[in-house]
Each structure stands twice: as C-alpha cells, then as structure tokens.
PDB file of all heavy atoms in Angstrom:
ATOM      1  N   TYR A   1     -12.823 -15.938  -4.970  1.00  0.00           N
ATOM      2  CA  TYR A   1     -12.633 -15.143  -6.177  1.00  0.00           C
ATOM      3  C   TYR A   1     -13.604 -13.978  -6.154  1.00  0.00           C
ATOM      4  O   TYR A   1     -14.825 -14.170  -6.182  1.00  0.00           O
ATOM      5  CB  TYR A   1     -12.851 -16.015  -7.410  1.00  0.00           C
ATOM      6  CG  TYR A   1     -12.712 -15.300  -8.735  1.00  0.00           C
ATOM      7  CD1 TYR A   1     -11.612 -14.513  -9.014  1.00  0.00           C
ATOM      8  CD2 TYR A   1     -13.707 -15.425  -9.715  1.00  0.00           C
ATOM      9  CE1 TYR A   1     -11.479 -13.873 -10.233  1.00  0.00           C
ATOM     10  CE2 TYR A   1     -13.580 -14.786 -10.940  1.00  0.00           C
ATOM     11  CZ  TYR A   1     -12.462 -14.005 -11.189  1.00  0.00           C
ATOM     12  OH  TYR A   1     -12.333 -13.371 -12.399  1.00  0.00           O
ATOM     13  N   ILE A   2     -13.082 -12.764  -6.055  1.00  0.00           N
ATOM     14  CA  ILE A   2     -13.904 -11.555  -6.035  1.00  0.00           C
ATOM     15  C   ILE A   2     -13.972 -10.998  -7.445  1.00  0.00           C
ATOM     16  O   ILE A   2     -12.950 -10.670  -8.050  1.00  0.00           O
ATOM     17  CB  ILE A   2     -13.317 -10.522  -5.058  1.00  0.00           C
ATOM     18  CG1 ILE A   2     -13.386 -11.079  -3.633  1.00  0.00           C
ATOM     19  CG2 ILE A   2     -14.068  -9.199  -5.152  1.00  0.00           C
ATOM     20  CD1 ILE A   2     -12.782 -10.179  -2.589  1.00  0.00           C
ATOM     21  N   PHE A   3     -15.208 -10.892  -7.959  1.00  0.00           N
ATOM     22  CA  PHE A   3     -15.392 -10.518  -9.364  1.00  0.00           C
ATOM     23  C   PHE A   3     -16.700  -9.737  -9.518  1.00  0.00           C
ATOM     24  O   PHE A   3     -17.709 -10.106  -8.922  1.00  0.00           O
ATOM     25  CB  PHE A   3     -15.448 -11.789 -10.221  1.00  0.00           C
ATOM     26  CG  PHE A   3     -15.787 -11.537 -11.659  1.00  0.00           C
ATOM     27  CD1 PHE A   3     -14.784 -11.234 -12.561  1.00  0.00           C
ATOM     28  CD2 PHE A   3     -17.105 -11.595 -12.105  1.00  0.00           C
ATOM     29  CE1 PHE A   3     -15.095 -10.994 -13.893  1.00  0.00           C
ATOM     30  CE2 PHE A   3     -17.421 -11.350 -13.429  1.00  0.00           C
ATOM     31  CZ  PHE A   3     -16.402 -11.054 -14.329  1.00  0.00           C
ATOM     32  N   PRO A   4     -16.703  -8.655 -10.307  1.00  0.00           N
ATOM     33  CA  PRO A   4     -15.535  -7.991 -10.914  1.00  0.00           C
ATOM     34  C   PRO A   4     -14.788  -7.164  -9.872  1.00  0.00           C
ATOM     35  O   PRO A   4     -15.354  -6.813  -8.832  1.00  0.00           O
ATOM     36  CB  PRO A   4     -16.171  -7.104 -11.977  1.00  0.00           C
ATOM     37  CG  PRO A   4     -17.520  -6.778 -11.413  1.00  0.00           C
ATOM     38  CD  PRO A   4     -17.966  -7.997 -10.648  1.00  0.00           C
ATOM     39  N   ALA A   5     -13.555  -6.849 -10.138  1.00  0.00           N
ATOM     40  CA  ALA A   5     -12.746  -6.118  -9.174  1.00  0.00           C
ATOM     41  C   ALA A   5     -11.616  -5.385  -9.884  1.00  0.00           C
ATOM     42  O   ALA A   5     -11.299  -5.667 -11.040  1.00  0.00           O
ATOM     43  CB  ALA A   5     -12.175  -7.078  -8.133  1.00  0.00           C
ATOM     44  N   ARG A   6     -11.037  -4.446  -9.152  1.00  0.00           N
ATOM     45  CA  ARG A   6      -9.831  -3.757  -9.611  1.00  0.00           C
ATOM     46  C   ARG A   6      -8.681  -4.138  -8.680  1.00  0.00           C
ATOM     47  O   ARG A   6      -8.903  -4.440  -7.493  1.00  0.00           O
ATOM     48  CB  ARG A   6     -10.037  -2.243  -9.612  1.00  0.00           C
ATOM     49  CG  ARG A   6     -11.092  -1.793 -10.604  1.00  0.00           C
ATOM     50  CD  ARG A   6     -11.348  -0.314 -10.510  1.00  0.00           C
ATOM     51  NE  ARG A   6     -10.297   0.483 -11.161  1.00  0.00           N
ATOM     52  CZ  ARG A   6     -10.553   1.415 -12.079  1.00  0.00           C
ATOM     53  NH1 ARG A   6     -11.797   1.651 -12.464  1.00  0.00           N
ATOM     54  NH2 ARG A   6      -9.575   2.112 -12.602  1.00  0.00           N
ATOM     55  N   HIS A   7      -7.489  -4.112  -9.223  1.00  0.00           N
ATOM     56  CA  HIS A   7      -6.287  -4.411  -8.457  1.00  0.00           C
ATOM     57  C   HIS A   7      -5.652  -3.078  -8.065  1.00  0.00           C
ATOM     58  O   HIS A   7      -5.132  -2.354  -8.907  1.00  0.00           O
ATOM     59  CB  HIS A   7      -5.319  -5.243  -9.307  1.00  0.00           C
ATOM     60  CG  HIS A   7      -4.090  -5.685  -8.584  1.00  0.00           C
ATOM     61  ND1 HIS A   7      -3.505  -6.903  -8.810  1.00  0.00           N
ATOM     62  CD2 HIS A   7      -3.314  -5.083  -7.658  1.00  0.00           C
ATOM     63  CE1 HIS A   7      -2.432  -7.029  -8.050  1.00  0.00           C
ATOM     64  NE2 HIS A   7      -2.300  -5.924  -7.345  1.00  0.00           N
ATOM     65  N   VAL A   8      -5.712  -2.755  -6.776  1.00  0.00           N
ATOM     66  CA  VAL A   8      -5.156  -1.499  -6.265  1.00  0.00           C
ATOM     67  C   VAL A   8      -4.126  -1.818  -5.199  1.00  0.00           C
ATOM     68  O   VAL A   8      -4.383  -2.631  -4.304  1.00  0.00           O
ATOM     69  CB  VAL A   8      -6.262  -0.596  -5.687  1.00  0.00           C
ATOM     70  CG1 VAL A   8      -5.668   0.679  -5.088  1.00  0.00           C
ATOM     71  CG2 VAL A   8      -7.287  -0.245  -6.770  1.00  0.00           C
ATOM     72  N   GLU A   9      -2.960  -1.183  -5.286  1.00  0.00           N
ATOM     73  CA  GLU A   9      -1.906  -1.451  -4.320  1.00  0.00           C
ATOM     74  C   GLU A   9      -1.412  -0.158  -3.683  1.00  0.00           C
ATOM     75  O   GLU A   9      -1.534   0.925  -4.266  1.00  0.00           O
ATOM     76  CB  GLU A   9      -0.748  -2.200  -4.977  1.00  0.00           C
ATOM     77  CG  GLU A   9      -0.071  -1.467  -6.112  1.00  0.00           C
ATOM     78  CD  GLU A   9       0.952  -2.326  -6.840  1.00  0.00           C
ATOM     79  OE1 GLU A   9       0.762  -3.556  -6.904  1.00  0.00           O
ATOM     80  OE2 GLU A   9       1.948  -1.759  -7.345  1.00  0.00           O
ATOM     81  N   LEU A  10      -0.862  -0.290  -2.465  1.00  0.00           N
ATOM     82  CA  LEU A  10      -0.363   0.855  -1.707  1.00  0.00           C
ATOM     83  C   LEU A  10       1.134   0.707  -1.470  1.00  0.00           C
ATOM     84  O   LEU A  10       1.599  -0.342  -1.011  1.00  0.00           O
ATOM     85  CB  LEU A  10      -1.085   0.973  -0.361  1.00  0.00           C
ATOM     86  CG  LEU A  10      -2.611   1.122  -0.409  1.00  0.00           C
ATOM     87  CD1 LEU A  10      -3.148   1.244   1.000  1.00  0.00           C
ATOM     88  CD2 LEU A  10      -3.024   2.329  -1.235  1.00  0.00           C
ATOM     89  N   GLN A  11       1.888   1.765  -1.777  1.00  0.00           N
ATOM     90  CA  GLN A  11       3.340   1.773  -1.591  1.00  0.00           C
ATOM     91  C   GLN A  11       3.692   2.275  -0.192  1.00  0.00           C
ATOM     92  O   GLN A  11       3.290   3.357   0.211  1.00  0.00           O
ATOM     93  CB  GLN A  11       4.002   2.675  -2.627  1.00  0.00           C
ATOM     94  CG  GLN A  11       5.504   2.845  -2.458  1.00  0.00           C
ATOM     95  CD  GLN A  11       6.257   1.557  -2.755  1.00  0.00           C
ATOM     96  OE1 GLN A  11       6.196   1.038  -3.863  1.00  0.00           O
ATOM     97  NE2 GLN A  11       6.973   1.036  -1.764  1.00  0.00           N
ATOM     98  N   ILE A  12       4.457   1.448   0.537  1.00  0.00           N
ATOM     99  CA  ILE A  12       4.822   1.759   1.914  1.00  0.00           C
ATOM    100  C   ILE A  12       6.336   1.936   2.030  1.00  0.00           C
ATOM    101  O   ILE A  12       7.109   1.229   1.379  1.00  0.00           O
ATOM    102  CB  ILE A  12       4.376   0.633   2.868  1.00  0.00           C
ATOM    103  CG1 ILE A  12       2.840   0.503   2.883  1.00  0.00           C
ATOM    104  CG2 ILE A  12       4.903   0.860   4.280  1.00  0.00           C
ATOM    105  CD1 ILE A  12       2.119   1.656   3.516  1.00  0.00           C
ATOM    106  N   LEU A  13       6.756   2.861   2.879  1.00  0.00           N
ATOM    107  CA  LEU A  13       8.143   2.977   3.313  1.00  0.00           C
ATOM    108  C   LEU A  13       8.145   3.020   4.834  1.00  0.00           C
ATOM    109  O   LEU A  13       7.378   3.783   5.440  1.00  0.00           O
ATOM    110  CB  LEU A  13       8.787   4.254   2.779  1.00  0.00           C
ATOM    111  CG  LEU A  13       9.386   4.242   1.370  1.00  0.00           C
ATOM    112  CD1 LEU A  13       9.861   5.653   1.004  1.00  0.00           C
ATOM    113  CD2 LEU A  13      10.554   3.268   1.278  1.00  0.00           C
ATOM    114  N   ALA A  14       9.002   2.211   5.467  1.00  0.00           N
ATOM    115  CA  ALA A  14       9.073   2.183   6.929  1.00  0.00           C
ATOM    116  C   ALA A  14      10.526   2.023   7.357  1.00  0.00           C
ATOM    117  O   ALA A  14      11.294   1.316   6.699  1.00  0.00           O
ATOM    118  CB  ALA A  14       8.226   1.035   7.489  1.00  0.00           C
ATOM    119  N   ASP A  15      10.901   2.687   8.455  1.00  0.00           N
ATOM    120  CA  ASP A  15      12.278   2.574   8.940  1.00  0.00           C
ATOM    121  C   ASP A  15      12.321   1.832  10.266  1.00  0.00           C
ATOM    122  O   ASP A  15      11.277   1.477  10.833  1.00  0.00           O
ATOM    123  CB  ASP A  15      12.939   3.957   9.028  1.00  0.00           C
ATOM    124  CG  ASP A  15      12.260   4.891  10.037  1.00  0.00           C
ATOM    125  OD1 ASP A  15      11.693   4.390  11.026  1.00  0.00           O
ATOM    126  OD2 ASP A  15      12.305   6.111   9.836  1.00  0.00           O
ATOM    127  N   GLU A  16      13.530   1.612  10.767  1.00  0.00           N
ATOM    128  CA  GLU A  16      13.696   0.842  12.000  1.00  0.00           C
ATOM    129  C   GLU A  16      13.448   1.688  13.248  1.00  0.00           C
ATOM    130  O   GLU A  16      13.552   1.191  14.374  1.00  0.00           O
ATOM    131  CB  GLU A  16      15.107   0.258  12.059  1.00  0.00           C
ATOM    132  CG  GLU A  16      16.218   1.277  12.069  1.00  0.00           C
ATOM    133  CD  GLU A  16      17.597   0.650  11.972  1.00  0.00           C
ATOM    134  OE1 GLU A  16      17.755  -0.356  11.266  1.00  0.00           O
ATOM    135  OE2 GLU A  16      18.512   1.183  12.619  1.00  0.00           O
ATOM    136  N   HIS A  17      13.113   2.965  13.058  1.00  0.00           N
ATOM    137  CA  HIS A  17      12.860   3.862  14.184  1.00  0.00           C
ATOM    138  C   HIS A  17      11.367   4.028  14.465  1.00  0.00           C
ATOM    139  O   HIS A  17      10.977   4.900  15.248  1.00  0.00           O
ATOM    140  CB  HIS A  17      13.493   5.224  13.902  1.00  0.00           C
ATOM    141  CG  HIS A  17      14.946   5.148  13.569  1.00  0.00           C
ATOM    142  ND1 HIS A  17      15.942   5.019  14.518  1.00  0.00           N
ATOM    143  CD2 HIS A  17      15.590   5.134  12.358  1.00  0.00           C
ATOM    144  CE1 HIS A  17      17.125   4.953  13.932  1.00  0.00           C
ATOM    145  NE2 HIS A  17      16.941   5.019  12.626  1.00  0.00           N
ATOM    146  N   GLY A  18      10.543   3.227  13.801  1.00  0.00           N
ATOM    147  CA  GLY A  18       9.102   3.264  14.048  1.00  0.00           C
ATOM    148  C   GLY A  18       8.329   4.206  13.154  1.00  0.00           C
ATOM    149  O   GLY A  18       7.128   4.404  13.356  1.00  0.00           O
ATOM    150  N   ASN A  19       8.994   4.803  12.172  1.00  0.00           N
ATOM    151  CA  ASN A  19       8.312   5.699  11.235  1.00  0.00           C
ATOM    152  C   ASN A  19       7.828   4.919  10.016  1.00  0.00           C
ATOM    153  O   ASN A  19       8.530   4.039   9.524  1.00  0.00           O
ATOM    154  CB  ASN A  19       9.256   6.807  10.768  1.00  0.00           C
ATOM    155  CG  ASN A  19       9.864   7.575  11.918  1.00  0.00           C
ATOM    156  OD1 ASN A  19       9.139   8.092  12.763  1.00  0.00           O
ATOM    157  ND2 ASN A  19      11.188   7.648  11.978  1.00  0.00           N
ATOM    158  N   ALA A  20       6.661   5.257   9.529  1.00  0.00           N
ATOM    159  CA  ALA A  20       6.130   4.629   8.313  1.00  0.00           C
ATOM    160  C   ALA A  20       5.236   5.620   7.585  1.00  0.00           C
ATOM    161  O   ALA A  20       4.524   6.411   8.214  1.00  0.00           O
ATOM    162  CB  ALA A  20       5.345   3.360   8.645  1.00  0.00           C
ATOM    163  N   VAL A  21       5.297   5.598   6.263  1.00  0.00           N
ATOM    164  CA  VAL A  21       4.441   6.444   5.439  1.00  0.00           C
ATOM    165  C   VAL A  21       3.912   5.625   4.272  1.00  0.00           C
ATOM    166  O   VAL A  21       4.507   4.618   3.879  1.00  0.00           O
ATOM    167  CB  VAL A  21       5.195   7.676   4.883  1.00  0.00           C
ATOM    168  CG1 VAL A  21       5.636   8.598   5.999  1.00  0.00           C
ATOM    169  CG2 VAL A  21       6.367   7.251   4.025  1.00  0.00           C
ATOM    170  N   CYS A  22       2.792   6.069   3.723  1.00  0.00           N
ATOM    171  CA  CYS A  22       2.235   5.484   2.510  1.00  0.00           C
ATOM    172  C   CYS A  22       2.374   6.511   1.399  1.00  0.00           C
ATOM    173  O   CYS A  22       1.933   7.656   1.552  1.00  0.00           O
ATOM    174  CB  CYS A  22       0.769   5.098   2.703  1.00  0.00           C
ATOM    175  SG  CYS A  22       0.003   4.397   1.218  1.00  0.00           S
ATOM    176  N   LEU A  23       2.993   6.102   0.291  1.00  0.00           N
ATOM    177  CA  LEU A  23       3.202   6.993  -0.846  1.00  0.00           C
ATOM    178  C   LEU A  23       2.078   6.885  -1.862  1.00  0.00           C
ATOM    179  O   LEU A  23       2.281   7.075  -3.059  1.00  0.00           O
ATOM    180  CB  LEU A  23       4.549   6.690  -1.515  1.00  0.00           C
ATOM    181  CG  LEU A  23       5.785   6.901  -0.639  1.00  0.00           C
ATOM    182  CD1 LEU A  23       7.051   6.591  -1.425  1.00  0.00           C
ATOM    183  CD2 LEU A  23       5.837   8.310  -0.088  1.00  0.00           C
ATOM    184  N   GLY A  24       0.880   6.583  -1.371  1.00  0.00           N
ATOM    185  CA  GLY A  24      -0.285   6.578  -2.235  1.00  0.00           C
ATOM    186  C   GLY A  24      -0.601   5.229  -2.843  1.00  0.00           C
ATOM    187  O   GLY A  24       0.014   4.211  -2.527  1.00  0.00           O
ATOM    188  N   ASP A  25      -1.587   5.236  -3.730  1.00  0.00           N
ATOM    189  CA  ASP A  25      -2.095   4.027  -4.352  1.00  0.00           C
ATOM    190  C   ASP A  25      -1.704   3.956  -5.826  1.00  0.00           C
ATOM    191  O   ASP A  25      -1.413   4.975  -6.451  1.00  0.00           O
ATOM    192  CB  ASP A  25      -3.614   3.964  -4.230  1.00  0.00           C
ATOM    193  CG  ASP A  25      -4.289   5.159  -4.896  1.00  0.00           C
ATOM    194  OD1 ASP A  25      -4.150   6.271  -4.377  1.00  0.00           O
ATOM    195  OD2 ASP A  25      -4.935   4.980  -5.952  1.00  0.00           O
ATOM    196  N   ARG A  26      -1.705   2.738  -6.348  1.00  0.00           N
ATOM    197  CA  ARG A  26      -1.503   2.501  -7.780  1.00  0.00           C
ATOM    198  C   ARG A  26      -2.603   1.558  -8.259  1.00  0.00           C
ATOM    199  O   ARG A  26      -2.908   0.568  -7.599  1.00  0.00           O
ATOM    200  CB  ARG A  26      -0.136   1.847  -8.047  1.00  0.00           C
ATOM    201  CG  ARG A  26       1.050   2.705  -7.689  1.00  0.00           C
ATOM    202  CD  ARG A  26       2.359   2.030  -8.110  1.00  0.00           C
ATOM    203  NE  ARG A  26       2.682   0.864  -7.317  1.00  0.00           N
ATOM    204  CZ  ARG A  26       3.648   0.832  -6.383  1.00  0.00           C
ATOM    205  NH1 ARG A  26       4.369   1.915  -6.121  1.00  0.00           N
ATOM    206  NH2 ARG A  26       3.895  -0.279  -5.719  1.00  0.00           N
TER     207      ARG A  26
END
C-alpha cells in the first residue's frame, strides 16, 4: 500500500502494424 499517492493513468493506442502512441496522462 503506497500512501499518500495520486492515481495517474496513461491512455495508449496501438495497431497491429507495430505503431503505438500515448495520448497523455489523466
């Protein structure tokens, strides 16, 4: 249990051709 902390997530999009990008954090 990590405390105190913030919950931060990263949005990913990836295709079957080996391309991937991150659309930032939330």
